[in-house]
Amino acid sequence: MNYEAEFSNIVRSFRKRHMGKGPSQVKTTFCKNWAICEMEGNLSPVEKFIVAAQYGKQMVRAARTEMVKEMYRKNHPIEMEEFLGAKFIDLFVDIDIDKDLGMSIFVFDQDLEQKFNSKDKHN
């Protein structure tokens, strides 16, 4: 099983369920106790329209960073914890509005790289 690819699917479906739209592509890399997700195709058609307005970029960037973090605080990612067998601790989020590229770094209480990458090599 490719644990990083499966985690990417969980992230995409979580965002779709709680925000109405998930990213079109997610690539996850486990590094120590982080799950680093690179995301493309985050912006909805409405957000792309808003970005064209004078303060649109700042509004969309604020929504896509602070509101995403708030979404995870309000909707604890239990499915991620169950899949990884690790406790979710924190989330860092940023997005480049012009490129429609986002980064989310999920922090867990265990070394995911050691836990899962060694399993991938044996399968």
C-alpha atoms as a PDB file:
ATOM      1  CA  MET A   1       0.000   0.000   0.000  1.00  0.00           C
ATOM      2  CA  ASN A   2       1.237   3.487  -0.809  1.00  0.00           C
ATOM      3  CA  TYR A   3       0.428   5.272   2.453  1.00  0.00           C
ATOM      4  CA  GLU A   4       1.301   8.720   1.125  1.00  0.00           C
ATOM      5  CA  ALA A   5      -1.063   8.353  -1.859  1.00  0.00           C
ATOM      6  CA  GLU A   6      -3.841   7.079   0.389  1.00  0.00           C
ATOM      7  CA  PHE A   7      -3.310  10.020   2.778  1.00  0.00           C
ATOM      8  CA  SER A   8      -3.611  12.348  -0.243  1.00  0.00           C
ATOM      9  CA  ASN A   9      -7.012  10.803  -1.022  1.00  0.00           C
ATOM     10  CA  ILE A  10      -8.139  11.361   2.583  1.00  0.00           C
ATOM     11  CA  VAL A  11      -7.073  15.032   2.420  1.00  0.00           C
ATOM     12  CA  ARG A  12      -8.888  15.565  -0.894  1.00  0.00           C
ATOM     13  CA  SER A  13     -12.145  13.998   0.332  1.00  0.00           C
ATOM     14  CA  PHE A  14     -11.953  15.822   3.716  1.00  0.00           C
ATOM     15  CA  ARG A  15     -11.624  19.196   1.949  1.00  0.00           C
ATOM     16  CA  LYS A  16     -14.374  18.360  -0.522  1.00  0.00           C
ATOM     17  CA  ARG A  17     -16.722  17.337   2.295  1.00  0.00           C
ATOM     18  CA  HIS A  18     -16.057  20.408   4.473  1.00  0.00           C
ATOM     19  CA  MET A  19     -15.388  23.109   1.831  1.00  0.00           C
ATOM     20  CA  GLY A  20     -17.464  21.923  -1.117  1.00  0.00           C
ATOM     21  CA  LYS A  21     -14.373  21.524  -3.320  1.00  0.00           C
ATOM     22  CA  GLY A  22     -11.139  19.652  -2.859  1.00  0.00           C
ATOM     23  CA  PRO A  23      -7.880  20.195  -4.732  1.00  0.00           C
ATOM     24  CA  SER A  24      -7.629  18.526  -8.144  1.00  0.00           C
ATOM     25  CA  GLN A  25      -4.243  17.009  -7.238  1.00  0.00           C
ATOM     26  CA  VAL A  26      -2.594  16.215  -3.907  1.00  0.00           C
ATOM     27  CA  LYS A  27       0.905  14.833  -3.462  1.00  0.00           C
ATOM     28  CA  THR A  28       1.920  13.834   0.060  1.00  0.00           C
ATOM     29  CA  THR A  29       5.398  13.300   1.442  1.00  0.00           C
ATOM     30  CA  PHE A  30       6.001  11.980   4.949  1.00  0.00           C
ATOM     31  CA  CYS A  31       8.935  13.727   6.610  1.00  0.00           C
ATOM     32  CA  LYS A  32       9.544  12.918  10.277  1.00  0.00           C
ATOM     33  CA  ASN A  33       6.240  13.629  12.066  1.00  0.00           C
ATOM     34  CA  TRP A  34       4.899  15.753   9.201  1.00  0.00           C
ATOM     35  CA  ALA A  35       2.611  14.878   6.315  1.00  0.00           C
ATOM     36  CA  ILE A  36       3.478  17.526   3.728  1.00  0.00           C
ATOM     37  CA  CYS A  37       0.776  17.940   1.093  1.00  0.00           C
ATOM     38  CA  GLU A  38       1.355  19.839  -2.156  1.00  0.00           C
ATOM     39  CA  MET A  39      -1.997  20.732  -3.690  1.00  0.00           C
ATOM     40  CA  GLU A  40      -2.924  21.956  -7.160  1.00  0.00           C
ATOM     41  CA  GLY A  41      -6.300  23.180  -8.372  1.00  0.00           C
ATOM     42  CA  ASN A  42      -7.563  24.542  -5.059  1.00  0.00           C
ATOM     43  CA  LEU A  43      -9.525  27.565  -6.205  1.00  0.00           C
ATOM     44  CA  SER A  44     -13.184  27.369  -7.096  1.00  0.00           C
ATOM     45  CA  PRO A  45     -14.552  29.278 -10.117  1.00  0.00           C
ATOM     46  CA  VAL A  46     -15.997  31.891  -7.725  1.00  0.00           C
ATOM     47  CA  GLU A  47     -12.633  32.347  -5.998  1.00  0.00           C
ATOM     48  CA  LYS A  48     -10.929  32.793  -9.377  1.00  0.00           C
ATOM     49  CA  PHE A  49     -13.457  35.532 -10.143  1.00  0.00           C
ATOM     50  CA  ILE A  50     -12.868  37.228  -6.756  1.00  0.00           C
ATOM     51  CA  VAL A  51      -9.073  37.183  -7.275  1.00  0.00           C
ATOM     52  CA  ALA A  52      -9.518  39.568 -10.215  1.00  0.00           C
ATOM     53  CA  ALA A  53     -10.962  42.282  -7.913  1.00  0.00           C
ATOM     54  CA  GLN A  54      -8.739  44.870  -6.208  1.00  0.00           C
ATOM     55  CA  TYR A  55      -8.446  43.147  -2.816  1.00  0.00           C
ATOM     56  CA  GLY A  56      -9.504  39.741  -4.044  1.00  0.00           C
ATOM     57  CA  LYS A  57      -6.106  38.050  -3.708  1.00  0.00           C
ATOM     58  CA  GLN A  58      -5.785  39.018  -0.039  1.00  0.00           C
ATOM     59  CA  MET A  59      -9.354  37.891   0.671  1.00  0.00           C
ATOM     60  CA  VAL A  60      -8.946  34.516  -1.016  1.00  0.00           C
ATOM     61  CA  ARG A  61      -5.509  33.921   0.528  1.00  0.00           C
ATOM     62  CA  ALA A  62      -6.880  34.696   4.012  1.00  0.00           C
ATOM     63  CA  ALA A  63      -9.830  32.387   3.400  1.00  0.00           C
ATOM     64  CA  ARG A  64      -7.616  29.600   2.076  1.00  0.00           C
ATOM     65  CA  THR A  65      -5.198  29.768   5.013  1.00  0.00           C
ATOM     66  CA  GLU A  66      -6.974  30.870   8.197  1.00  0.00           C
ATOM     67  CA  MET A  67     -10.343  29.372   7.317  1.00  0.00           C
ATOM     68  CA  VAL A  68      -8.782  26.026   6.372  1.00  0.00           C
ATOM     69  CA  LYS A  69      -6.985  25.885   9.733  1.00  0.00           C
ATOM     70  CA  GLU A  70     -10.250  26.754  11.486  1.00  0.00           C
ATOM     71  CA  MET A  71     -12.048  24.015   9.532  1.00  0.00           C
ATOM     72  CA  TYR A  72      -9.619  21.414  10.906  1.00  0.00           C
ATOM     73  CA  ARG A  73     -10.029  22.795  14.440  1.00  0.00           C
ATOM     74  CA  LYS A  74     -13.820  22.494  14.193  1.00  0.00           C
ATOM     75  CA  ASN A  75     -13.804  19.166  12.319  1.00  0.00           C
ATOM     76  CA  HIS A  76     -11.070  17.097  13.914  1.00  0.00           C
ATOM     77  CA  PRO A  77      -9.568  14.847  11.177  1.00  0.00           C
ATOM     78  CA  ILE A  78     -10.426  11.533  12.854  1.00  0.00           C
ATOM     79  CA  GLU A  79     -10.130   9.600   9.573  1.00  0.00           C
ATOM     80  CA  MET A  80      -6.503  10.773   9.221  1.00  0.00           C
ATOM     81  CA  GLU A  81      -5.696   9.714  12.769  1.00  0.00           C
ATOM     82  CA  GLU A  82      -7.329   6.317  12.289  1.00  0.00           C
ATOM     83  CA  PHE A  83      -5.512   5.714   8.995  1.00  0.00           C
ATOM     84  CA  LEU A  84      -2.092   6.730  10.373  1.00  0.00           C
ATOM     85  CA  GLY A  85      -2.572   5.438  13.921  1.00  0.00           C
ATOM     86  CA  ALA A  86      -1.224   8.803  15.074  1.00  0.00           C
ATOM     87  CA  LYS A  87      -2.669  11.847  16.848  1.00  0.00           C
ATOM     88  CA  PHE A  88      -3.161  15.069  14.823  1.00  0.00           C
ATOM     89  CA  ILE A  89      -1.421  17.970  16.600  1.00  0.00           C
ATOM     90  CA  ASP A  90      -1.289  21.001  14.298  1.00  0.00           C
ATOM     91  CA  LEU A  91      -1.627  22.297  10.752  1.00  0.00           C
ATOM     92  CA  PHE A  92       0.357  24.875   8.785  1.00  0.00           C
ATOM     93  CA  VAL A  93      -1.184  26.166   5.541  1.00  0.00           C
ATOM     94  CA  ASP A  94      -0.120  28.484   2.731  1.00  0.00           C
ATOM     95  CA  ILE A  95      -1.220  29.089  -0.851  1.00  0.00           C
ATOM     96  CA  ASP A  96       0.153  30.876  -3.901  1.00  0.00           C
ATOM     97  CA  ILE A  97      -2.985  32.384  -5.400  1.00  0.00           C
ATOM     98  CA  ASP A  98      -1.386  33.218  -8.774  1.00  0.00           C
ATOM     99  CA  LYS A  99      -0.184  29.638  -9.318  1.00  0.00           C
ATOM    100  CA  ASP A 100      -3.144  28.008  -7.502  1.00  0.00           C
ATOM    101  CA  LEU A 101      -0.660  25.902  -5.528  1.00  0.00           C
ATOM    102  CA  GLY A 102      -1.197  25.186  -1.858  1.00  0.00           C
ATOM    103  CA  MET A 103       0.891  23.561   0.854  1.00  0.00           C
ATOM    104  CA  SER A 104      -0.441  22.004   4.013  1.00  0.00           C
ATOM    105  CA  ILE A 105       1.817  20.531   6.639  1.00  0.00           C
ATOM    106  CA  PHE A 106      -0.020  18.239   9.037  1.00  0.00           C
ATOM    107  CA  VAL A 107       1.840  17.620  12.292  1.00  0.00           C
ATOM    108  CA  PHE A 108       1.312  14.312  14.086  1.00  0.00           C
ATOM    109  CA  ASP A 109       2.632  12.826  17.332  1.00  0.00           C
ATOM    110  CA  GLN A 110       4.659  10.085  15.620  1.00  0.00           C
ATOM    111  CA  ASP A 111       7.451   9.798  13.041  1.00  0.00           C
ATOM    112  CA  LEU A 112       5.363   8.986   9.945  1.00  0.00           C
ATOM    113  CA  GLU A 113       8.397   8.758   7.681  1.00  0.00           C
ATOM    114  CA  GLN A 114       9.909   5.982   9.771  1.00  0.00           C
ATOM    115  CA  LYS A 115       6.568   4.266  10.394  1.00  0.00           C
ATOM    116  CA  PHE A 116       5.342   4.102   6.775  1.00  0.00           C
ATOM    117  CA  ASN A 117       8.259   4.474   4.390  1.00  0.00           C
ATOM    118  CA  SER A 118       9.931   1.386   5.829  1.00  0.00           C
ATOM    119  CA  LYS A 119       6.673  -0.540   5.212  1.00  0.00           C
ATOM    120  CA  ASP A 120       6.536   0.620   1.575  1.00  0.00           C
ATOM    121  CA  LYS A 121      10.005  -0.775   0.932  1.00  0.00           C
ATOM    122  CA  HIS A 122       8.990  -4.211   2.212  1.00  0.00           C
ATOM    123  CA  ASN A 123       5.764  -4.483   0.206  1.00  0.00           C
END
